[in-house]
C-alpha atoms as a PDB file:
ATOM      1  CA  UNK A   1       0.000   0.000   0.000  1.00  0.00           C
ATOM      2  CA  UNK A   2       2.877   2.342   0.800  1.00  0.00           C
ATOM      3  CA  UNK A   3       4.378   1.852  -2.671  1.00  0.00           C
ATOM      4  CA  UNK A   4       1.049   2.588  -4.349  1.00  0.00           C
ATOM      5  CA  UNK A   5       0.589   5.780  -2.335  1.00  0.00           C
ATOM      6  CA  UNK A   6       4.111   6.910  -3.164  1.00  0.00           C
ATOM      7  CA  UNK A   7       3.497   6.228  -6.849  1.00  0.00           C
ATOM      8  CA  UNK A   8       0.224   8.153  -6.647  1.00  0.00           C
ATOM      9  CA  UNK A   9       1.943  11.145  -5.040  1.00  0.00           C
ATOM     10  CA  UNK A  10       4.605  11.150  -7.757  1.00  0.00           C
ATOM     11  CA  UNK A  11       1.948  10.829 -10.462  1.00  0.00           C
ATOM     12  CA  UNK A  12       0.122  13.847  -9.034  1.00  0.00           C
ATOM     13  CA  UNK A  13       3.299  15.865  -9.627  1.00  0.00           C
ATOM     14  CA  UNK A  14       3.395  14.979 -13.326  1.00  0.00           C
ATOM     15  CA  UNK A  15      -0.387  15.066 -13.803  1.00  0.00           C
ATOM     16  CA  UNK A  16      -0.225  18.060 -16.160  1.00  0.00           C
ATOM     17  CA  UNK A  17       1.998  16.078 -18.552  1.00  0.00           C
ATOM     18  CA  UNK A  18      -0.188  12.924 -18.466  1.00  0.00           C
ATOM     19  CA  UNK A  19      -3.629  14.270 -17.563  1.00  0.00           C
ATOM     20  CA  UNK A  20      -5.331  12.553 -20.520  1.00  0.00           C
ATOM     21  CA  UNK A  21      -4.192   9.058 -19.509  1.00  0.00           C
ATOM     22  CA  UNK A  22      -3.416   8.147 -15.886  1.00  0.00           C
ATOM     23  CA  UNK A  23      -2.318   4.619 -16.827  1.00  0.00           C
ATOM     24  CA  UNK A  24       0.306   5.992 -19.211  1.00  0.00           C
ATOM     25  CA  UNK A  25       1.612   8.281 -16.474  1.00  0.00           C
ATOM     26  CA  UNK A  26       2.006   5.361 -14.091  1.00  0.00           C
ATOM     27  CA  UNK A  27       3.778   3.335 -16.804  1.00  0.00           C
ATOM     28  CA  UNK A  28       6.274   6.190 -17.213  1.00  0.00           C
ATOM     29  CA  UNK A  29       6.866   6.220 -13.458  1.00  0.00           C
ATOM     30  CA  UNK A  30       7.639   2.500 -13.590  1.00  0.00           C
ATOM     31  CA  UNK A  31      10.026   3.164 -16.481  1.00  0.00           C
ATOM     32  CA  UNK A  32      11.765   5.817 -14.366  1.00  0.00           C
ATOM     33  CA  UNK A  33      12.046   3.409 -11.416  1.00  0.00           C
ATOM     34  CA  UNK A  34      13.718   0.741 -13.551  1.00  0.00           C
ATOM     35  CA  UNK A  35      15.867   2.942 -15.815  1.00  0.00           C
ATOM     36  CA  UNK A  36      19.627   3.222 -15.592  1.00  0.00           C
ATOM     37  CA  UNK A  37      21.194   5.949 -13.509  1.00  0.00           C
ATOM     38  CA  UNK A  38      24.670   7.033 -12.486  1.00  0.00           C
ATOM     39  CA  UNK A  39      25.499   7.742  -8.845  1.00  0.00           C
ATOM     40  CA  UNK A  40      28.259  10.337  -8.498  1.00  0.00           C
ATOM     41  CA  UNK A  41      29.419  11.075  -4.949  1.00  0.00           C
ATOM     42  CA  UNK A  42      31.075  14.421  -4.201  1.00  0.00           C
ATOM     43  CA  UNK A  43      32.549  14.139  -0.716  1.00  0.00           C
ATOM     44  CA  UNK A  44      34.017  17.649  -0.792  1.00  0.00           C
ATOM     45  CA  UNK A  45      30.599  19.313  -1.261  1.00  0.00           C
ATOM     46  CA  UNK A  46      28.635  16.540   0.526  1.00  0.00           C
ATOM     47  CA  UNK A  47      26.444  15.786  -2.501  1.00  0.00           C
ATOM     48  CA  UNK A  48      25.344  12.591  -4.166  1.00  0.00           C
ATOM     49  CA  UNK A  49      24.267  13.286  -7.729  1.00  0.00           C
ATOM     50  CA  UNK A  50      21.888  10.812  -9.334  1.00  0.00           C
ATOM     51  CA  UNK A  51      21.910  11.219 -13.125  1.00  0.00           C
ATOM     52  CA  UNK A  52      18.941   9.486 -14.729  1.00  0.00           C
ATOM     53  CA  UNK A  53      19.493   8.254 -18.263  1.00  0.00           C
ATOM     54  CA  UNK A  54      17.228   9.367 -21.077  1.00  0.00           C
ATOM     55  CA  UNK A  55      13.885   7.597 -21.362  1.00  0.00           C
ATOM     56  CA  UNK A  56      11.947   6.405 -24.399  1.00  0.00           C
ATOM     57  CA  UNK A  57      10.148   9.650 -25.350  1.00  0.00           C
ATOM     58  CA  UNK A  58      10.613  13.422 -25.031  1.00  0.00           C
ATOM     59  CA  UNK A  59       7.399  13.539 -23.005  1.00  0.00           C
ATOM     60  CA  UNK A  60       8.812  11.014 -20.513  1.00  0.00           C
ATOM     61  CA  UNK A  61      12.001  13.065 -20.284  1.00  0.00           C
ATOM     62  CA  UNK A  62       9.889  16.144 -19.447  1.00  0.00           C
ATOM     63  CA  UNK A  63       8.325  14.177 -16.594  1.00  0.00           C
ATOM     64  CA  UNK A  64      11.781  13.173 -15.322  1.00  0.00           C
ATOM     65  CA  UNK A  65      12.963  16.764 -15.430  1.00  0.00           C
ATOM     66  CA  UNK A  66       9.936  17.920 -13.439  1.00  0.00           C
ATOM     67  CA  UNK A  67      10.268  15.148 -10.855  1.00  0.00           C
ATOM     68  CA  UNK A  68      13.987  15.865 -10.439  1.00  0.00           C
ATOM     69  CA  UNK A  69      13.213  19.496  -9.723  1.00  0.00           C
ATOM     70  CA  UNK A  70      10.606  18.556  -7.121  1.00  0.00           C
ATOM     71  CA  UNK A  71      12.838  15.953  -5.464  1.00  0.00           C
ATOM     72  CA  UNK A  72      15.761  18.397  -5.261  1.00  0.00           C
ATOM     73  CA  UNK A  73      13.565  20.863  -3.379  1.00  0.00           C
ATOM     74  CA  UNK A  74      13.136  18.312  -0.562  1.00  0.00           C
ATOM     75  CA  UNK A  75      16.872  18.522   0.270  1.00  0.00           C
ATOM     76  CA  UNK A  76      16.942  14.833   1.199  1.00  0.00           C
ATOM     77  CA  UNK A  77      20.085  13.145   2.500  1.00  0.00           C
ATOM     78  CA  UNK A  78      21.140   9.670   1.443  1.00  0.00           C
ATOM     79  CA  UNK A  79      20.481   7.308   4.400  1.00  0.00           C
ATOM     80  CA  UNK A  80      23.292   6.950   6.934  1.00  0.00           C
ATOM     81  CA  UNK A  81      25.476   9.575   5.206  1.00  0.00           C
ATOM     82  CA  UNK A  82      25.903  13.324   5.142  1.00  0.00           C
ATOM     83  CA  UNK A  83      25.447  13.370   1.333  1.00  0.00           C
ATOM     84  CA  UNK A  84      22.542  15.442   0.041  1.00  0.00           C
ATOM     85  CA  UNK A  85      20.748  13.884  -2.936  1.00  0.00           C
ATOM     86  CA  UNK A  86      20.788  15.855  -6.170  1.00  0.00           C
ATOM     87  CA  UNK A  87      18.804  14.308  -9.017  1.00  0.00           C
ATOM     88  CA  UNK A  88      19.080  15.369 -12.627  1.00  0.00           C
ATOM     89  CA  UNK A  89      18.368  13.975 -16.065  1.00  0.00           C
ATOM     90  CA  UNK A  90      21.424  13.073 -18.097  1.00  0.00           C
ATOM     91  CA  UNK A  91      21.666  15.352 -21.119  1.00  0.00           C
ATOM     92  CA  UNK A  92      22.785  13.672 -24.307  1.00  0.00           C
ATOM     93  CA  UNK A  93      24.483  15.778 -26.923  1.00  0.00           C
ATOM     94  CA  UNK A  94      23.659  15.031 -30.539  1.00  0.00           C
ATOM     95  CA  UNK A  95      26.585  15.115 -32.926  1.00  0.00           C
END
């Protein structure tokens, strides 16, 4: 039940992007949860950067960007450390 409520709270934050189809929004959240990410610790500045890799569509990437912004505002620390979490989408450069 806790997982469902957490998913619902996250979905409510991206509702404007997926307001026409709640199921699609929840599918994107599941894609975010299972996608690749890089964890980059910075012990000098006490930060742990989580870079989420690009998802399957530009719309999904917009949702990731919005969720990252919201999560960064919480100023959460990684458990049992003094490292503050900093989430961001990984930007790919086209050649």
